[in-house]
Amino acid sequence: SHGNHFSDREGLIELTHNYGTENDPEYKVSTGNTEPHKGFGHTC
């Protein structure tokens, strides 16, 4: 999709950053691969 608008592409990864999480040593995300919160698996 070289040169295309982001809405006209076949494969993108969207990263969402909530302000301040980078300064919280306790913050972590649920990756979707550990019980009991399995769901999303991976990108490829």
Full PDB file with SEQRES, HELIX, SHEET, SSBOND, CRYST1, ORIGX, SCALE, CONECT and MASTER records, all heavy atoms in Angstrom:
SEQRES   1 A   44  SER HIS GLY ASN HIS PHE SER ASP ARG GLU GLY LEU ILE          
SEQRES   2 A   44  GLU LEU THR HIS ASN TYR GLY THR GLU ASN ASP PRO GLU          
SEQRES   3 A   44  TYR LYS VAL SER THR GLY ASN THR GLU PRO HIS LYS GLY          
SEQRES   4 A   44  PHE GLY HIS THR CYS                                          
HELIX    1 AA1 PHE A    6  ASP A    8  5                                   3    
HELIX    2 AA2 THR A   21  ASN A   23  5                                   3    
CRYST1    1.000    1.000    1.000  90.00  90.00  90.00 P 1           1          
ORIGX1      1.000000  0.000000  0.000000        0.00000                         
ORIGX2      0.000000  1.000000  0.000000        0.00000                         
ORIGX3      0.000000  0.000000  1.000000        0.00000                         
SCALE1      1.000000  0.000000  0.000000        0.00000                         
SCALE2      0.000000  1.000000  0.000000        0.00000                         
SCALE3      0.000000  0.000000  1.000000        0.00000                         
ATOM      1  N   SER A   1       0.826  -1.217   0.000  1.00  0.00           N  
ATOM      2  CA  SER A   1       0.000   0.000   0.000  1.00  0.00           C  
ATOM      3  C   SER A   1       0.857   1.263   0.000  1.00  0.00           C  
ATOM      4  O   SER A   1       0.488   2.277   0.594  1.00  0.00           O  
ATOM      5  CB  SER A   1      -0.929   0.003   1.216  1.00  0.00           C  
ATOM      6  OG  SER A   1      -1.757  -1.135   1.240  1.00  0.00           O  
ATOM      7  N   HIS A   2       1.987   1.211  -0.674  1.00  0.00           N  
ATOM      8  CA  HIS A   2       2.930   2.335  -0.687  1.00  0.00           C  
ATOM      9  C   HIS A   2       2.250   3.651  -1.057  1.00  0.00           C  
ATOM     10  O   HIS A   2       1.561   3.754  -2.073  1.00  0.00           O  
ATOM     11  CB  HIS A   2       4.052   2.060  -1.683  1.00  0.00           C  
ATOM     12  CG  HIS A   2       4.931   3.241  -1.961  1.00  0.00           C  
ATOM     13  ND1 HIS A   2       5.704   3.827  -0.986  1.00  0.00           N  
ATOM     14  CD2 HIS A   2       5.141   3.963  -3.092  1.00  0.00           C  
ATOM     15  CE1 HIS A   2       6.355   4.845  -1.502  1.00  0.00           C  
ATOM     16  NE2 HIS A   2       6.030   4.952  -2.774  1.00  0.00           N  
ATOM     17  N   GLY A   3       2.425   4.659  -0.194  1.00  0.00           N  
ATOM     18  CA  GLY A   3       1.945   6.000  -0.487  1.00  0.00           C  
ATOM     19  C   GLY A   3       0.473   6.247  -0.231  1.00  0.00           C  
ATOM     20  O   GLY A   3       0.006   7.383  -0.376  1.00  0.00           O  
ATOM     21  N   ASN A   4      -0.275   5.226   0.151  1.00  0.00           N  
ATOM     22  CA  ASN A   4      -1.720   5.393   0.324  1.00  0.00           C  
ATOM     23  C   ASN A   4      -2.074   6.091   1.636  1.00  0.00           C  
ATOM     24  O   ASN A   4      -1.308   6.057   2.605  1.00  0.00           O  
ATOM     25  CB  ASN A   4      -2.426   4.032   0.307  1.00  0.00           C  
ATOM     26  CG  ASN A   4      -2.416   3.395  -1.066  1.00  0.00           C  
ATOM     27  OD1 ASN A   4      -1.712   3.826  -1.960  1.00  0.00           O  
ATOM     28  ND2 ASN A   4      -3.202   2.344  -1.231  1.00  0.00           N  
ATOM     29  N   HIS A   5      -3.250   6.722   1.658  1.00  0.00           N  
ATOM     30  CA  HIS A   5      -3.807   7.257   2.891  1.00  0.00           C  
ATOM     31  C   HIS A   5      -3.985   6.116   3.883  1.00  0.00           C  
ATOM     32  O   HIS A   5      -4.219   4.970   3.480  1.00  0.00           O  
ATOM     33  CB  HIS A   5      -5.166   7.917   2.602  1.00  0.00           C  
ATOM     34  CG  HIS A   5      -5.743   8.667   3.753  1.00  0.00           C  
ATOM     35  ND1 HIS A   5      -6.562   8.068   4.681  1.00  0.00           N  
ATOM     36  CD2 HIS A   5      -5.620   9.968   4.131  1.00  0.00           C  
ATOM     37  CE1 HIS A   5      -6.933   8.960   5.581  1.00  0.00           C  
ATOM     38  NE2 HIS A   5      -6.376  10.132   5.268  1.00  0.00           N  
ATOM     39  N   PHE A   6      -3.894   6.413   5.188  1.00  0.00           N  
ATOM     40  CA  PHE A   6      -3.952   5.323   6.165  1.00  0.00           C  
ATOM     41  C   PHE A   6      -5.270   4.549   6.117  1.00  0.00           C  
ATOM     42  O   PHE A   6      -5.322   3.366   6.474  1.00  0.00           O  
ATOM     43  CB  PHE A   6      -3.679   5.853   7.584  1.00  0.00           C  
ATOM     44  CG  PHE A   6      -4.877   6.409   8.311  1.00  0.00           C  
ATOM     45  CD1 PHE A   6      -5.626   5.615   9.160  1.00  0.00           C  
ATOM     46  CD2 PHE A   6      -5.251   7.738   8.151  1.00  0.00           C  
ATOM     47  CE1 PHE A   6      -6.728   6.113   9.840  1.00  0.00           C  
ATOM     48  CE2 PHE A   6      -6.343   8.247   8.826  1.00  0.00           C  
ATOM     49  CZ  PHE A   6      -7.087   7.438   9.676  1.00  0.00           C  
ATOM     50  N   SER A   7      -6.346   5.191   5.637  1.00  0.00           N  
ATOM     51  CA  SER A   7      -7.638   4.503   5.545  1.00  0.00           C  
ATOM     52  C   SER A   7      -7.741   3.633   4.304  1.00  0.00           C  
ATOM     53  O   SER A   7      -8.728   2.918   4.127  1.00  0.00           O  
ATOM     54  CB  SER A   7      -8.779   5.527   5.548  1.00  0.00           C  
ATOM     55  OG  SER A   7      -8.756   6.302   4.354  1.00  0.00           O  
ATOM     56  N   ASP A   8      -6.734   3.667   3.441  1.00  0.00           N  
ATOM     57  CA  ASP A   8      -6.747   2.923   2.181  1.00  0.00           C  
ATOM     58  C   ASP A   8      -5.571   1.956   2.129  1.00  0.00           C  
ATOM     59  O   ASP A   8      -4.917   1.801   1.116  1.00  0.00           O  
ATOM     60  CB  ASP A   8      -6.700   3.900   0.997  1.00  0.00           C  
ATOM     61  CG  ASP A   8      -6.852   3.211  -0.349  1.00  0.00           C  
ATOM     62  OD1 ASP A   8      -7.721   2.327  -0.463  1.00  0.00           O  
ATOM     63  OD2 ASP A   8      -6.088   3.549  -1.283  1.00  0.00           O  
ATOM     64  N   ARG A   9      -5.319   1.317   3.265  1.00  0.00           N  
ATOM     65  CA  ARG A   9      -4.211   0.367   3.351  1.00  0.00           C  
ATOM     66  C   ARG A   9      -4.706  -0.998   3.790  1.00  0.00           C  
ATOM     67  O   ARG A   9      -5.702  -1.116   4.496  1.00  0.00           O  
ATOM     68  CB  ARG A   9      -3.144   0.880   4.329  1.00  0.00           C  
ATOM     69  CG  ARG A   9      -2.350   2.041   3.742  1.00  0.00           C  
ATOM     70  CD  ARG A   9      -1.379   2.607   4.741  1.00  0.00           C  
ATOM     71  NE  ARG A   9      -0.571   3.641   4.108  1.00  0.00           N  
ATOM     72  CZ  ARG A   9       0.654   3.466   3.612  1.00  0.00           C  
ATOM     73  NH1 ARG A   9       1.219   2.270   3.693  1.00  0.00           N  
ATOM     74  NH2 ARG A   9       1.299   4.456   3.047  1.00  0.00           N  
ATOM     75  N   GLU A  10      -3.973  -2.027   3.362  1.00  0.00           N  
ATOM     76  CA  GLU A  10      -4.396  -3.392   3.657  1.00  0.00           C  
ATOM     77  C   GLU A  10      -3.920  -3.889   5.006  1.00  0.00           C  
ATOM     78  O   GLU A  10      -4.521  -4.790   5.581  1.00  0.00           O  
ATOM     79  CB  GLU A  10      -3.915  -4.328   2.544  1.00  0.00           C  
ATOM     80  CG  GLU A  10      -4.559  -4.030   1.205  1.00  0.00           C  
ATOM     81  CD  GLU A  10      -4.225  -5.077   0.160  1.00  0.00           C  
ATOM     82  OE1 GLU A  10      -4.043  -6.251   0.534  1.00  0.00           O  
ATOM     83  OE2 GLU A  10      -4.133  -4.742  -1.020  1.00  0.00           O  
ATOM     84  N   GLY A  11      -2.812  -3.353   5.532  1.00  0.00           N  
ATOM     85  CA  GLY A  11      -2.298  -3.854   6.795  1.00  0.00           C  
ATOM     86  C   GLY A  11      -1.620  -2.780   7.621  1.00  0.00           C  
ATOM     87  O   GLY A  11      -0.550  -2.300   7.244  1.00  0.00           O  
ATOM     88  N   LEU A  12      -2.232  -2.386   8.721  1.00  0.00           N  
ATOM     89  CA  LEU A  12      -1.644  -1.421   9.646  1.00  0.00           C  
ATOM     90  C   LEU A  12      -1.751  -1.948  11.068  1.00  0.00           C  
ATOM     91  O   LEU A  12      -2.609  -2.785  11.372  1.00  0.00           O  
ATOM     92  CB  LEU A  12      -2.385  -0.078   9.584  1.00  0.00           C  
ATOM     93  CG  LEU A  12      -2.239   0.782   8.328  1.00  0.00           C  
ATOM     94  CD1 LEU A  12      -3.098   2.036   8.478  1.00  0.00           C  
ATOM     95  CD2 LEU A  12      -0.791   1.170   8.089  1.00  0.00           C  
ATOM     96  N   ILE A  13      -0.888  -1.451  11.937  1.00  0.00           N  
ATOM     97  CA  ILE A  13      -1.025  -1.656  13.365  1.00  0.00           C  
ATOM     98  C   ILE A  13      -1.255  -0.293  14.000  1.00  0.00           C  
ATOM     99  O   ILE A  13      -0.480   0.639  13.780  1.00  0.00           O  
ATOM    100  CB  ILE A  13       0.228  -2.318  13.972  1.00  0.00           C  
ATOM    101  CG1 ILE A  13       0.386  -3.745  13.438  1.00  0.00           C  
ATOM    102  CG2 ILE A  13       0.141  -2.335  15.499  1.00  0.00           C  
ATOM    103  CD1 ILE A  13       1.612  -4.457  13.962  1.00  0.00           C  
ATOM    104  N   GLU A  14      -2.340  -0.166  14.754  1.00  0.00           N  
ATOM    105  CA  GLU A  14      -2.629   1.069  15.459  1.00  0.00           C  
ATOM    106  C   GLU A  14      -2.178   0.928  16.907  1.00  0.00           C  
ATOM    107  O   GLU A  14      -2.585   0.005  17.605  1.00  0.00           O  
ATOM    108  CB  GLU A  14      -4.125   1.383  15.410  1.00  0.00           C  
ATOM    109  CG  GLU A  14      -4.510   2.641  16.195  1.00  0.00           C  
ATOM    110  CD  GLU A  14      -6.016   2.858  16.268  1.00  0.00           C  
ATOM    111  OE1 GLU A  14      -6.760   2.053  15.664  1.00  0.00           O  
ATOM    112  OE2 GLU A  14      -6.439   3.808  16.944  1.00  0.00           O  
ATOM    113  N   LEU A  15      -1.320   1.852  17.345  1.00  0.00           N  
ATOM    114  CA  LEU A  15      -0.862   1.894  18.721  1.00  0.00           C  
ATOM    115  C   LEU A  15      -1.584   3.030  19.441  1.00  0.00           C  
ATOM    116  O   LEU A  15      -1.584   4.166  18.954  1.00  0.00           O  
ATOM    117  CB  LEU A  15       0.652   2.123  18.790  1.00  0.00           C  
ATOM    118  CG  LEU A  15       1.535   1.161  17.985  1.00  0.00           C  
ATOM    119  CD1 LEU A  15       3.003   1.561  18.131  1.00  0.00           C  
ATOM    120  CD2 LEU A  15       1.333  -0.274  18.429  1.00  0.00           C  
ATOM    121  N   THR A  16      -2.187   2.739  20.567  1.00  0.00           N  
ATOM    122  CA  THR A  16      -2.857   3.752  21.376  1.00  0.00           C  
ATOM    123  C   THR A  16      -2.034   4.009  22.634  1.00  0.00           C  
ATOM    124  O   THR A  16      -1.758   3.072  23.395  1.00  0.00           O  
ATOM    125  CB  THR A  16      -4.274   3.297  21.772  1.00  0.00           C  
ATOM    126  OG1 THR A  16      -5.069   3.115  20.597  1.00  0.00           O  
ATOM    127  CG2 THR A  16      -4.950   4.336  22.665  1.00  0.00           C  
ATOM    128  N   HIS A  17      -1.651   5.268  22.828  1.00  0.00           N  
ATOM    129  CA  HIS A  17      -0.882   5.655  24.018  1.00  0.00           C  
ATOM    130  C   HIS A  17      -1.707   6.591  24.880  1.00  0.00           C  
ATOM    131  O   HIS A  17      -2.073   7.689  24.454  1.00  0.00           O  
ATOM    132  CB  HIS A  17       0.429   6.349  23.617  1.00  0.00           C  
ATOM    133  CG  HIS A  17       1.127   6.991  24.776  1.00  0.00           C  
ATOM    134  ND1 HIS A  17       1.507   8.315  24.784  1.00  0.00           N  
ATOM    135  CD2 HIS A  17       1.493   6.490  25.982  1.00  0.00           C  
ATOM    136  CE1 HIS A  17       2.077   8.607  25.944  1.00  0.00           C  
ATOM    137  NE2 HIS A  17       2.082   7.519  26.683  1.00  0.00           N  
ATOM    138  N   ASN A  18      -2.019   6.153  26.090  1.00  0.00           N  
ATOM    139  CA  ASN A  18      -2.704   6.991  27.063  1.00  0.00           C  
ATOM    140  C   ASN A  18      -1.658   7.748  27.877  1.00  0.00           C  
ATOM    141  O   ASN A  18      -0.749   7.137  28.446  1.00  0.00           O  
ATOM    142  CB  ASN A  18      -3.580   6.132  27.971  1.00  0.00           C  
ATOM    143  CG  ASN A  18      -4.721   5.468  27.225  1.00  0.00           C  
ATOM    144  OD1 ASN A  18      -5.626   6.122  26.729  1.00  0.00           O  
ATOM    145  ND2 ASN A  18      -4.671   4.142  27.114  1.00  0.00           N  
ATOM    146  N   TYR A  19      -1.789   9.059  27.889  1.00  0.00           N  
ATOM    147  CA  TYR A  19      -0.787   9.900  28.508  1.00  0.00           C  
ATOM    148  C   TYR A  19      -0.486   9.461  29.953  1.00  0.00           C  
ATOM    149  O   TYR A  19      -1.402   9.213  30.746  1.00  0.00           O  
ATOM    150  CB  TYR A  19      -1.238  11.360  28.549  1.00  0.00           C  
ATOM    151  CG  TYR A  19      -1.457  12.016  27.197  1.00  0.00           C  
ATOM    152  CD1 TYR A  19      -1.910  13.327  27.116  1.00  0.00           C  
ATOM    153  CD2 TYR A  19      -1.214  11.350  25.994  1.00  0.00           C  
ATOM    154  CE1 TYR A  19      -2.122  13.962  25.897  1.00  0.00           C  
ATOM    155  CE2 TYR A  19      -1.414  11.959  24.770  1.00  0.00           C  
ATOM    156  CZ  TYR A  19      -1.881  13.265  24.715  1.00  0.00           C  
ATOM    157  OH  TYR A  19      -2.091  13.879  23.508  1.00  0.00           O  
ATOM    158  N   GLY A  20       0.788   9.378  30.252  1.00  0.00           N  
ATOM    159  CA  GLY A  20       1.225   9.122  31.622  1.00  0.00           C  
ATOM    160  C   GLY A  20       1.533   7.688  31.948  1.00  0.00           C  
ATOM    161  O   GLY A  20       2.192   7.413  32.963  1.00  0.00           O  
ATOM    162  N   THR A  21       1.073   6.745  31.135  1.00  0.00           N  
ATOM    163  CA  THR A  21       1.330   5.333  31.452  1.00  0.00           C  
ATOM    164  C   THR A  21       2.823   5.019  31.455  1.00  0.00           C  
ATOM    165  O   THR A  21       3.270   4.137  32.190  1.00  0.00           O  
ATOM    166  CB  THR A  21       0.610   4.405  30.457  1.00  0.00           C  
ATOM    167  OG1 THR A  21       0.975   4.773  29.107  1.00  0.00           O  
ATOM    168  CG2 THR A  21      -0.900   4.519  30.602  1.00  0.00           C  
ATOM    169  N   GLU A  22       3.583   5.756  30.641  1.00  0.00           N  
ATOM    170  CA  GLU A  22       5.025   5.501  30.569  1.00  0.00           C  
ATOM    171  C   GLU A  22       5.738   5.849  31.872  1.00  0.00           C  
ATOM    172  O   GLU A  22       6.873   5.399  32.110  1.00  0.00           O  
ATOM    173  CB  GLU A  22       5.641   6.285  29.398  1.00  0.00           C  
ATOM    174  CG  GLU A  22       5.708   7.796  29.597  1.00  0.00           C  
ATOM    175  CD  GLU A  22       4.417   8.514  29.253  1.00  0.00           C  
ATOM    176  OE1 GLU A  22       3.368   7.860  29.081  1.00  0.00           O  
ATOM    177  OE2 GLU A  22       4.474   9.757  29.167  1.00  0.00           O  
ATOM    178  N   ASN A  23       5.081   6.625  32.732  1.00  0.00           N  
ATOM    179  CA  ASN A  23       5.687   7.026  34.008  1.00  0.00           C  
ATOM    180  C   ASN A  23       5.176   6.215  35.193  1.00  0.00           C  
ATOM    181  O   ASN A  23       5.542   6.480  36.333  1.00  0.00           O  
ATOM    182  CB  ASN A  23       5.415   8.514  34.276  1.00  0.00           C  
ATOM    183  CG  ASN A  23       6.016   9.406  33.209  1.00  0.00           C  
ATOM    184  OD1 ASN A  23       7.135   9.175  32.759  1.00  0.00           O  
ATOM    185  ND2 ASN A  23       5.273  10.420  32.789  1.00  0.00           N  
ATOM    186  N   ASP A  24       4.325   5.231  34.907  1.00  0.00           N  
ATOM    187  CA  ASP A  24       3.752   4.395  35.964  1.00  0.00           C  
ATOM    188  C   ASP A  24       4.439   3.033  35.965  1.00  0.00           C  
ATOM    189  O   ASP A  24       4.190   2.197  35.085  1.00  0.00           O  
ATOM    190  CB  ASP A  24       2.243   4.223  35.722  1.00  0.00           C  
ATOM    191  CG  ASP A  24       1.562   3.395  36.799  1.00  0.00           C  
ATOM    192  OD1 ASP A  24       2.261   2.885  37.698  1.00  0.00           O  
ATOM    193  OD2 ASP A  24       0.323   3.242  36.728  1.00  0.00           O  
ATOM    194  N   PRO A  25       5.308   2.775  36.936  1.00  0.00           N  
ATOM    195  CA  PRO A  25       6.041   1.496  36.950  1.00  0.00           C  
ATOM    196  C   PRO A  25       5.144   0.283  37.137  1.00  0.00           C  
ATOM    197  O   PRO A  25       5.555  -0.847  36.851  1.00  0.00           O  
ATOM    198  CB  PRO A  25       7.016   1.662  38.128  1.00  0.00           C  
ATOM    199  CG  PRO A  25       6.381   2.688  39.007  1.00  0.00           C  
ATOM    200  CD  PRO A  25       5.657   3.624  38.080  1.00  0.00           C  
ATOM    201  N   GLU A  26       3.906   0.495  37.599  1.00  0.00           N  
ATOM    202  CA  GLU A  26       2.983  -0.612  37.829  1.00  0.00           C  
ATOM    203  C   GLU A  26       2.102  -0.915  36.612  1.00  0.00           C  
ATOM    204  O   GLU A  26       1.388  -1.916  36.596  1.00  0.00           O  
ATOM    205  CB  GLU A  26       2.075  -0.295  39.028  1.00  0.00           C  
ATOM    206  CG  GLU A  26       2.817  -0.014  40.325  1.00  0.00           C  
ATOM    207  CD  GLU A  26       3.657  -1.203  40.765  1.00  0.00           C  
ATOM    208  OE1 GLU A  26       3.159  -2.345  40.649  1.00  0.00           O  
ATOM    209  OE2 GLU A  26       4.795  -0.984  41.214  1.00  0.00           O  
ATOM    210  N   TYR A  27       2.177  -0.043  35.597  1.00  0.00           N  
ATOM    211  CA  TYR A  27       1.266  -0.201  34.453  1.00  0.00           C  
ATOM    212  C   TYR A  27       1.718  -1.351  33.552  1.00  0.00           C  
ATOM    213  O   TYR A  27       2.892  -1.475  33.212  1.00  0.00           O  
ATOM    214  CB  TYR A  27       1.213   1.085  33.630  1.00  0.00           C  
ATOM    215  CG  TYR A  27       0.289   0.986  32.426  1.00  0.00           C  
ATOM    216  CD1 TYR A  27      -1.074   1.203  32.561  1.00  0.00           C  
ATOM    217  CD2 TYR A  27       0.774   0.648  31.163  1.00  0.00           C  
ATOM    218  CE1 TYR A  27      -1.937   1.097  31.479  1.00  0.00           C  
ATOM    219  CE2 TYR A  27      -0.079   0.541  30.072  1.00  0.00           C  
ATOM    220  CZ  TYR A  27      -1.422   0.767  30.238  1.00  0.00           C  
ATOM    221  OH  TYR A  27      -2.272   0.651  29.157  1.00  0.00           O  
ATOM    222  N   LYS A  28       0.769  -2.169  33.166  1.00  0.00           N  
ATOM    223  CA  LYS A  28       1.039  -3.195  32.167  1.00  0.00           C  
ATOM    224  C   LYS A  28      -0.257  -3.534  31.453  1.00  0.00           C  
ATOM    225  O   LYS A  28      -1.351  -3.327  31.984  1.00  0.00           O  
ATOM    226  CB  LYS A  28       1.658  -4.450  32.789  1.00  0.00           C  
ATOM    227  CG  LYS A  28       0.772  -5.190  33.768  1.00  0.00           C  
ATOM    228  CD  LYS A  28       1.485  -6.450  34.285  1.00  0.00           C  
ATOM    229  CE  LYS A  28       0.598  -7.221  35.251  1.00  0.00           C  
ATOM    230  NZ  LYS A  28       1.275  -8.456  35.729  1.00  0.00           N  
ATOM    231  N   VAL A  29      -0.132  -4.059  30.251  1.00  0.00           N  
ATOM    232  CA  VAL A  29      -1.297  -4.412  29.455  1.00  0.00           C  
ATOM    233  C   VAL A  29      -1.572  -5.903  29.579  1.00  0.00           C  
ATOM    234  O   VAL A  29      -0.707  -6.689  29.974  1.00  0.00           O  
ATOM    235  CB  VAL A  29      -1.092  -4.062  27.964  1.00  0.00           C  
ATOM    236  CG1 VAL A  29      -0.840  -2.573  27.788  1.00  0.00           C  
ATOM    237  CG2 VAL A  29       0.043  -4.883  27.358  1.00  0.00           C  
ATOM    238  N   SER A  30      -2.793  -6.285  29.242  1.00  0.00           N  
ATOM    239  CA  SER A  30      -3.162  -7.695  29.134  1.00  0.00           C  
ATOM    240  C   SER A  30      -2.901  -8.122  27.693  1.00  0.00           C  
ATOM    241  O   SER A  30      -3.521  -7.610  26.766  1.00  0.00           O  
ATOM    242  CB  SER A  30      -4.639  -7.887  29.488  1.00  0.00           C  
ATOM    243  OG  SER A  30      -5.040  -9.222  29.279  1.00  0.00           O  
ATOM    244  N   THR A  31      -1.977  -9.050  27.494  1.00  0.00           N  
ATOM    245  CA  THR A  31      -1.557  -9.415  26.134  1.00  0.00           C  
ATOM    246  C   THR A  31      -2.531 -10.344  25.432  1.00  0.00           C  
ATOM    247  O   THR A  31      -2.427 -10.556  24.229  1.00  0.00           O  
ATOM    248  CB  THR A  31      -0.181 -10.092  26.153  1.00  0.00           C  
ATOM    249  OG1 THR A  31      -0.289 -11.352  26.848  1.00  0.00           O  
ATOM    250  CG2 THR A  31       0.861  -9.208  26.830  1.00  0.00           C  
ATOM    251  N   GLY A  32      -3.470 -10.931  26.187  1.00  0.00           N  
ATOM    252  CA  GLY A  32      -4.434 -11.849  25.588  1.00  0.00           C  
ATOM    253  C   GLY A  32      -3.961 -13.280  25.517  1.00  0.00           C  
ATOM    254  O   GLY A  32      -4.668 -14.137  24.986  1.00  0.00           O  
ATOM    255  N   ASN A  33      -2.783 -13.572  26.084  1.00  0.00           N  
ATOM    256  CA  ASN A  33      -2.238 -14.924  25.984  1.00  0.00           C  
ATOM    257  C   ASN A  33      -2.053 -15.618  27.322  1.00  0.00           C  
ATOM    258  O   ASN A  33      -1.432 -16.681  27.381  1.00  0.00           O  
ATOM    259  CB  ASN A  33      -0.908 -14.883  25.227  1.00  0.00           C  
ATOM    260  CG  ASN A  33      -1.102 -14.661  23.744  1.00  0.00           C  
ATOM    261  OD1 ASN A  33      -1.810 -15.411  23.086  1.00  0.00           O  
ATOM    262  ND2 ASN A  33      -0.503 -13.606  23.211  1.00  0.00           N  
ATOM    263  N   THR A  34      -2.577 -15.025  28.396  1.00  0.00           N  
ATOM    264  CA  THR A  34      -2.481 -15.657  29.704  1.00  0.00           C  
ATOM    265  C   THR A  34      -3.872 -15.808  30.306  1.00  0.00           C  
ATOM    266  O   THR A  34      -4.741 -14.957  30.121  1.00  0.00           O  
ATOM    267  CB  THR A  34      -1.595 -14.824  30.659  1.00  0.00           C  
ATOM    268  OG1 THR A  34      -2.114 -13.496  30.759  1.00  0.00           O  
ATOM    269  CG2 THR A  34      -0.163 -14.773  30.160  1.00  0.00           C  
ATOM    270  N   GLU A  35      -4.082 -16.901  31.004  1.00  0.00           N  
ATOM    271  CA  GLU A  35      -5.354 -17.140  31.692  1.00  0.00           C  
ATOM    272  C   GLU A  35      -5.462 -16.216  32.901  1.00  0.00           C  
ATOM    273  O   GLU A  35      -4.454 -15.895  33.524  1.00  0.00           O  
ATOM    274  CB  GLU A  35      -5.441 -18.603  32.132  1.00  0.00           C  
ATOM    275  CG  GLU A  35      -5.452 -19.608  30.992  1.00  0.00           C  
ATOM    276  CD  GLU A  35      -6.719 -19.566  30.142  1.00  0.00           C  
ATOM    277  OE1 GLU A  35      -7.602 -18.721  30.410  1.00  0.00           O  
ATOM    278  OE2 GLU A  35      -6.822 -20.373  29.219  1.00  0.00           O  
ATOM    279  N   PRO A  36      -6.655 -15.769  33.257  1.00  0.00           N  
ATOM    280  CA  PRO A  36      -7.947 -16.121  32.639  1.00  0.00           C  
ATOM    281  C   PRO A  36      -8.406 -15.108  31.594  1.00  0.00           C  
ATOM    282  O   PRO A  36      -9.602 -14.977  31.367  1.00  0.00           O  
ATOM    283  CB  PRO A  36      -8.879 -16.098  33.853  1.00  0.00           C  
ATOM    284  CG  PRO A  36      -8.334 -14.964  34.685  1.00  0.00           C  
ATOM    285  CD  PRO A  36      -6.838 -14.998  34.494  1.00  0.00           C  
ATOM    286  N   HIS A  37      -7.467 -14.432  30.956  1.00  0.00           N  
ATOM    287  CA  HIS A  37      -7.829 -13.339  30.050  1.00  0.00           C  
ATOM    288  C   HIS A  37      -7.364 -13.582  28.620  1.00  0.00           C  
ATOM    289  O   HIS A  37      -6.972 -12.654  27.917  1.00  0.00           O  
ATOM    290  CB  HIS A  37      -7.247 -12.014  30.569  1.00  0.00           C  
ATOM    291  CG  HIS A  37      -7.707 -11.675  31.950  1.00  0.00           C  
ATOM    292  ND1 HIS A  37      -6.851 -11.628  33.045  1.00  0.00           N  
ATOM    293  CD2 HIS A  37      -8.960 -11.428  32.438  1.00  0.00           C  
ATOM    294  CE1 HIS A  37      -7.545 -11.332  34.126  1.00  0.00           C  
ATOM    295  NE2 HIS A  37      -8.822 -11.208  33.783  1.00  0.00           N  
ATOM    296  N   LYS A  38      -7.433 -14.845  28.187  1.00  0.00           N  
ATOM    297  CA  LYS A  38      -7.067 -15.137  26.807  1.00  0.00           C  
ATOM    298  C   LYS A  38      -8.128 -14.626  25.839  1.00  0.00           C  
ATOM    299  O   LYS A  38      -9.314 -14.627  26.138  1.00  0.00           O  
ATOM    300  CB  LYS A  38      -6.866 -16.638  26.592  1.00  0.00           C  
ATOM    301  CG  LYS A  38      -5.530 -17.160  27.077  1.00  0.00           C  
ATOM    302  CD  LYS A  38      -5.298 -18.583  26.613  1.00  0.00           C  
ATOM    303  CE  LYS A  38      -3.895 -19.057  26.965  1.00  0.00           C  
ATOM    304  NZ  LYS A  38      -3.639 -20.432  26.474  1.00  0.00           N  
ATOM    305  N   GLY A  39      -7.667 -14.197  24.664  1.00  0.00           N  
ATOM    306  CA  GLY A  39      -8.565 -13.716  23.617  1.00  0.00           C  
ATOM    307  C   GLY A  39      -7.767 -13.376  22.385  1.00  0.00           C  
ATOM    308  O   GLY A  39      -7.539 -14.228  21.524  1.00  0.00           O  
ATOM    309  N   PHE A  40      -7.338 -12.114  22.293  1.00  0.00           N  
ATOM    310  CA  PHE A  40      -6.397 -11.723  21.241  1.00  0.00           C  
ATOM    311  C   PHE A  40      -5.136 -12.562  21.367  1.00  0.00           C  
ATOM    312  O   PHE A  40      -4.663 -12.843  22.466  1.00  0.00           O  
ATOM    313  CB  PHE A  40      -6.076 -10.236  21.399  1.00  0.00           C  
ATOM    314  CG  PHE A  40      -4.859  -9.776  20.643  1.00  0.00           C  
ATOM    315  CD1 PHE A  40      -4.896  -9.663  19.254  1.00  0.00           C  
ATOM    316  CD2 PHE A  40      -3.691  -9.452  21.309  1.00  0.00           C  
ATOM    317  CE1 PHE A  40      -3.779  -9.233  18.555  1.00  0.00           C  
ATOM    318  CE2 PHE A  40      -2.572  -9.012  20.616  1.00  0.00           C  
ATOM    319  CZ  PHE A  40      -2.617  -8.906  19.235  1.00  0.00           C  
ATOM    320  N   GLY A  41      -4.574 -12.946  20.211  1.00  0.00           N  
ATOM    321  CA  GLY A  41      -3.377 -13.772  20.240  1.00  0.00           C  
ATOM    322  C   GLY A  41      -2.112 -13.055  19.822  1.00  0.00           C  
ATOM    323  O   GLY A  41      -1.141 -12.965  20.576  1.00  0.00           O  
ATOM    324  N   HIS A  42      -2.101 -12.514  18.602  1.00  0.00           N  
ATOM    325  CA  HIS A  42      -0.882 -11.903  18.104  1.00  0.00           C  
ATOM    326  C   HIS A  42      -1.138 -11.121  16.824  1.00  0.00           C  
ATOM    327  O   HIS A  42      -2.184 -11.279  16.183  1.00  0.00           O  
ATOM    328  CB  HIS A  42       0.187 -12.965  17.837  1.00  0.00           C  
ATOM    329  CG  HIS A  42      -0.233 -14.003  16.819  1.00  0.00           C  
ATOM    330  ND1 HIS A  42      -0.697 -15.254  17.167  1.00  0.00           N  
ATOM    331  CD2 HIS A  42      -0.272 -13.979  15.451  1.00  0.00           C  
ATOM    332  CE1 HIS A  42      -0.997 -15.947  16.088  1.00  0.00           C  
ATOM    333  NE2 HIS A  42      -0.754 -15.188  15.019  1.00  0.00           N  
ATOM    334  N   THR A  43      -0.180 -10.305  16.456  1.00  0.00           N  
ATOM    335  CA  THR A  43      -0.073  -9.807  15.094  1.00  0.00           C  
ATOM    336  C   THR A  43       0.980 -10.659  14.388  1.00  0.00           C  
ATOM    337  O   THR A  43       1.716 -11.414  15.040  1.00  0.00           O  
ATOM    338  CB  THR A  43       0.338  -8.324  15.053  1.00  0.00           C  
ATOM    339  OG1 THR A  43       1.574  -8.155  15.764  1.00  0.00           O  
ATOM    340  CG2 THR A  43      -0.732  -7.449  15.665  1.00  0.00           C  
ATOM    341  N   CYS A  44       1.075 -10.550  13.076  1.00  0.00           N  
ATOM    342  CA  CYS A  44       2.021 -11.376  12.327  1.00  0.00           C  
ATOM    343  C   CYS A  44       2.668 -10.586  11.207  1.00  0.00           C  
ATOM    344  O   CYS A  44       1.991  -9.865  10.468  1.00  0.00           O  
ATOM    345  CB  CYS A  44       1.315 -12.603  11.747  1.00  0.00           C  
ATOM    346  SG  CYS A  44       2.380 -13.632  10.700  1.00  0.00           S  
TER     347      CYS A  44                                                      
MASTER        0    0    0    2    0    0    0    6  346    1    0    4          
END                                                                             
